[in-house]
């Protein structure tokens, strides 16, 4: 191991020891607080689990039903005007819904078109510059027990759309194609 790797490997245990030492020096009941935090984490997990299951089922249904292919065909002419290749449209559709679903599409696109191709570059930039909006809203709002998303969802989806288009435009400007 090089010197830098040794330092990297020691950072986390060092931080944990410092936190434990500070807690003990401050006469904080560290283990009791740990158990309280673990209990709260389980409670939050149980609260958001139904939303996560619903998202996973929706993604699988979208793919299995052929609706993803239908949406791709319908959106291809419009998104093609923004420079988004038809091959990347399934990523744009699934990215706001599912991180794992979008990663599967990224893996497929990069293995079939290669990372240095136009499709590979747009895919990479798109994946890195957009968010799993529905998942994030389900987690944050589920954890805080907020029931009405109000303007959050339209604003976030608008941000995703801008991110998709800007990804394609940036790649075209920087790399040509």
Protein backbone atom coordinates (compact mmCIF):
# COMPACT_ATOMS: atom_id res chain seq x y z
CA UNK A 1 0.00 0.00 0.00
CA UNK A 2 1.23 3.47 -0.83
CA UNK A 3 1.38 6.23 1.77
CA UNK A 4 -1.79 7.89 0.46
CA UNK A 5 -3.74 4.62 0.58
CA UNK A 6 -2.61 4.06 4.16
CA UNK A 7 -3.83 7.52 5.16
CA UNK A 8 -7.15 6.98 3.34
CA UNK A 9 -7.72 3.66 5.07
CA UNK A 10 -7.09 5.24 8.48
CA UNK A 11 -9.38 8.26 8.12
CA UNK A 12 -12.74 6.59 8.88
CA UNK A 13 -11.56 4.67 11.96
CA UNK A 14 -9.83 7.84 13.18
CA UNK A 15 -13.00 9.92 12.77
CA UNK A 16 -15.06 7.27 14.56
CA UNK A 17 -12.58 7.13 17.45
CA UNK A 18 -12.56 10.94 17.71
CA UNK A 19 -16.37 11.04 17.82
CA UNK A 20 -16.50 8.28 20.43
CA UNK A 21 -13.77 9.96 22.49
CA UNK A 22 -15.53 13.34 22.34
CA UNK A 23 -18.81 11.74 23.38
CA UNK A 24 -17.20 9.96 26.32
CA UNK A 25 -15.30 13.10 27.40
CA UNK A 26 -18.56 15.07 27.26
CA UNK A 27 -20.24 12.40 29.40
CA UNK A 28 -22.72 11.60 26.64
CA UNK A 29 -24.32 8.17 26.73
CA UNK A 30 -22.94 7.22 23.32
CA UNK A 31 -24.38 3.71 23.10
CA UNK A 32 -27.87 4.85 24.14
CA UNK A 33 -27.79 7.57 21.48
CA UNK A 34 -26.62 5.02 18.93
CA UNK A 35 -29.55 2.74 19.76
CA UNK A 36 -31.98 5.67 19.60
CA UNK A 37 -30.67 6.62 16.15
CA UNK A 38 -30.87 3.03 14.92
CA UNK A 39 -34.48 2.79 16.14
CA UNK A 40 -35.36 6.02 14.34
CA UNK A 41 -33.68 4.75 11.17
CA UNK A 42 -35.79 1.59 11.20
CA UNK A 43 -38.94 3.67 11.74
CA UNK A 44 -38.10 5.90 8.76
CA UNK A 45 -37.34 2.85 6.63
CA UNK A 46 -40.73 1.33 7.42
CA UNK A 47 -42.44 4.62 6.62
CA UNK A 48 -40.84 4.99 3.16
CA UNK A 49 -40.87 1.31 2.16
CA UNK A 50 -44.35 1.35 0.54
CA UNK A 51 -43.34 4.23 -1.75
CA UNK A 52 -40.14 2.43 -2.76
CA UNK A 53 -42.01 -0.78 -3.56
CA UNK A 54 -44.53 1.18 -5.64
CA UNK A 55 -41.73 2.84 -7.63
CA UNK A 56 -39.98 -0.48 -8.32
CA UNK A 57 -43.24 -2.13 -9.43
CA UNK A 58 -44.08 0.85 -11.69
CA UNK A 59 -40.68 0.69 -13.40
CA UNK A 60 -40.96 -3.05 -14.00
CA UNK A 61 -44.49 -2.63 -15.41
CA UNK A 62 -43.33 0.20 -17.66
CA UNK A 63 -40.58 -1.97 -19.11
CA UNK A 64 -42.52 -5.25 -19.32
CA UNK A 65 -45.64 -3.74 -20.88
CA UNK A 66 -43.80 -2.19 -23.80
CA UNK A 67 -44.89 1.30 -22.70
CA UNK A 68 -41.25 2.36 -22.51
CA UNK A 69 -40.75 1.49 -26.18
CA UNK A 70 -44.00 3.24 -27.11
CA UNK A 71 -43.00 6.41 -25.23
CA UNK A 72 -39.57 6.31 -26.84
CA UNK A 73 -41.13 6.16 -30.30
CA UNK A 74 -43.50 9.03 -29.53
CA UNK A 75 -40.82 11.29 -28.02
CA UNK A 76 -38.01 10.56 -30.50
CA UNK A 77 -39.00 13.19 -33.13
CA UNK A 78 -39.45 15.96 -30.54
CA UNK A 79 -36.34 15.19 -28.47
CA UNK A 80 -34.34 14.66 -31.64
CA UNK A 81 -34.74 18.40 -32.27
CA UNK A 82 -32.83 19.00 -29.03
CA UNK A 83 -30.06 16.65 -30.15
CA UNK A 84 -31.10 13.73 -27.95
CA UNK A 85 -30.62 10.45 -29.85
CA UNK A 86 -33.54 8.00 -29.75
CA UNK A 87 -31.31 5.42 -28.05
CA UNK A 88 -30.94 7.69 -24.99
CA UNK A 89 -34.66 8.46 -24.58
CA UNK A 90 -35.35 5.42 -22.33
CA UNK A 91 -32.74 6.83 -19.94
CA UNK A 92 -34.50 10.21 -19.96
CA UNK A 93 -37.81 8.49 -19.20
CA UNK A 94 -36.55 6.21 -16.41
CA UNK A 95 -33.98 8.48 -14.74
CA UNK A 96 -36.55 10.51 -12.75
CA UNK A 97 -38.24 7.29 -11.62
CA UNK A 98 -35.52 4.78 -10.80
CA UNK A 99 -31.80 4.97 -10.18
CA UNK A 100 -31.28 1.23 -10.67
CA UNK A 101 -33.43 1.18 -13.81
CA UNK A 102 -31.51 4.09 -15.28
CA UNK A 103 -28.16 2.49 -14.35
CA UNK A 104 -29.19 -0.65 -16.23
CA UNK A 105 -29.90 1.49 -19.30
CA UNK A 106 -26.57 3.34 -18.89
CA UNK A 107 -24.77 -0.01 -18.69
CA UNK A 108 -26.51 -1.22 -21.85
CA UNK A 109 -25.83 1.99 -23.79
CA UNK A 110 -22.17 2.21 -22.78
CA UNK A 111 -21.51 -1.45 -23.55
CA UNK A 112 -23.23 -1.26 -26.96
CA UNK A 113 -22.19 2.21 -28.12
CA UNK A 114 -18.98 2.72 -26.08
CA UNK A 115 -18.28 5.60 -23.69
CA UNK A 116 -16.49 7.75 -26.29
CA UNK A 117 -19.35 7.69 -28.79
CA UNK A 118 -21.87 10.51 -29.03
CA UNK A 119 -24.51 8.29 -27.41
CA UNK A 120 -22.07 7.23 -24.68
CA UNK A 121 -21.10 10.80 -23.87
CA UNK A 122 -24.69 12.06 -23.80
CA UNK A 123 -25.65 9.07 -21.65
CA UNK A 124 -22.86 9.75 -19.16
CA UNK A 125 -23.54 13.47 -18.87
CA UNK A 126 -27.30 12.89 -18.64
CA UNK A 127 -26.90 10.30 -15.87
CA UNK A 128 -24.60 12.58 -13.90
CA UNK A 129 -26.59 15.78 -14.28
CA UNK A 130 -30.12 14.62 -13.46
CA UNK A 131 -31.85 13.19 -10.41
CA UNK A 132 -34.09 10.28 -9.49
CA UNK A 133 -36.85 12.76 -8.75
CA UNK A 134 -39.69 10.45 -7.73
CA UNK A 135 -37.39 8.38 -5.53
CA UNK A 136 -35.97 11.47 -3.85
CA UNK A 137 -39.39 12.97 -3.23
CA UNK A 138 -40.68 9.65 -1.86
CA UNK A 139 -37.71 9.33 0.52
CA UNK A 140 -37.58 12.93 1.76
CA UNK A 141 -41.30 13.50 2.01
CA UNK A 142 -41.85 10.04 3.47
CA UNK A 143 -39.19 10.63 6.11
CA UNK A 144 -40.65 14.01 7.06
CA UNK A 145 -44.27 12.86 6.70
CA UNK A 146 -45.10 15.58 4.20
CA UNK A 147 -48.08 14.42 2.13
CA UNK A 148 -48.52 17.15 -0.48
CA UNK A 149 -45.72 17.63 -2.95
CA UNK A 150 -47.24 20.92 -4.13
CA UNK A 151 -44.92 22.57 -6.58
CA UNK A 152 -41.97 20.32 -5.83
CA UNK A 153 -42.75 17.69 -8.46
CA UNK A 154 -43.37 20.06 -11.43
CA UNK A 155 -40.28 22.10 -10.53
CA UNK A 156 -38.09 19.01 -10.14
CA UNK A 157 -39.33 17.45 -13.39
CA UNK A 158 -38.71 20.74 -15.19
CA UNK A 159 -35.17 20.65 -13.82
CA UNK A 160 -34.77 17.11 -15.10
CA UNK A 161 -36.01 18.09 -18.56
CA UNK A 162 -33.58 21.00 -18.67
CA UNK A 163 -30.82 18.63 -17.53
CA UNK A 164 -31.63 16.14 -20.30
CA UNK A 165 -31.63 18.79 -23.01
CA UNK A 166 -28.57 20.60 -21.62
CA UNK A 167 -26.67 17.29 -21.50
CA UNK A 168 -27.21 16.70 -25.20
CA UNK A 169 -26.51 20.33 -26.13
CA UNK A 170 -23.31 20.43 -24.04
CA UNK A 171 -21.99 17.21 -25.56
CA UNK A 172 -22.78 18.43 -29.09
CA UNK A 173 -21.05 21.75 -28.39
CA UNK A 174 -17.98 20.26 -26.70
CA UNK A 175 -17.47 17.16 -28.84
CA UNK A 176 -19.35 17.89 -32.06
CA UNK A 177 -21.66 15.41 -33.68
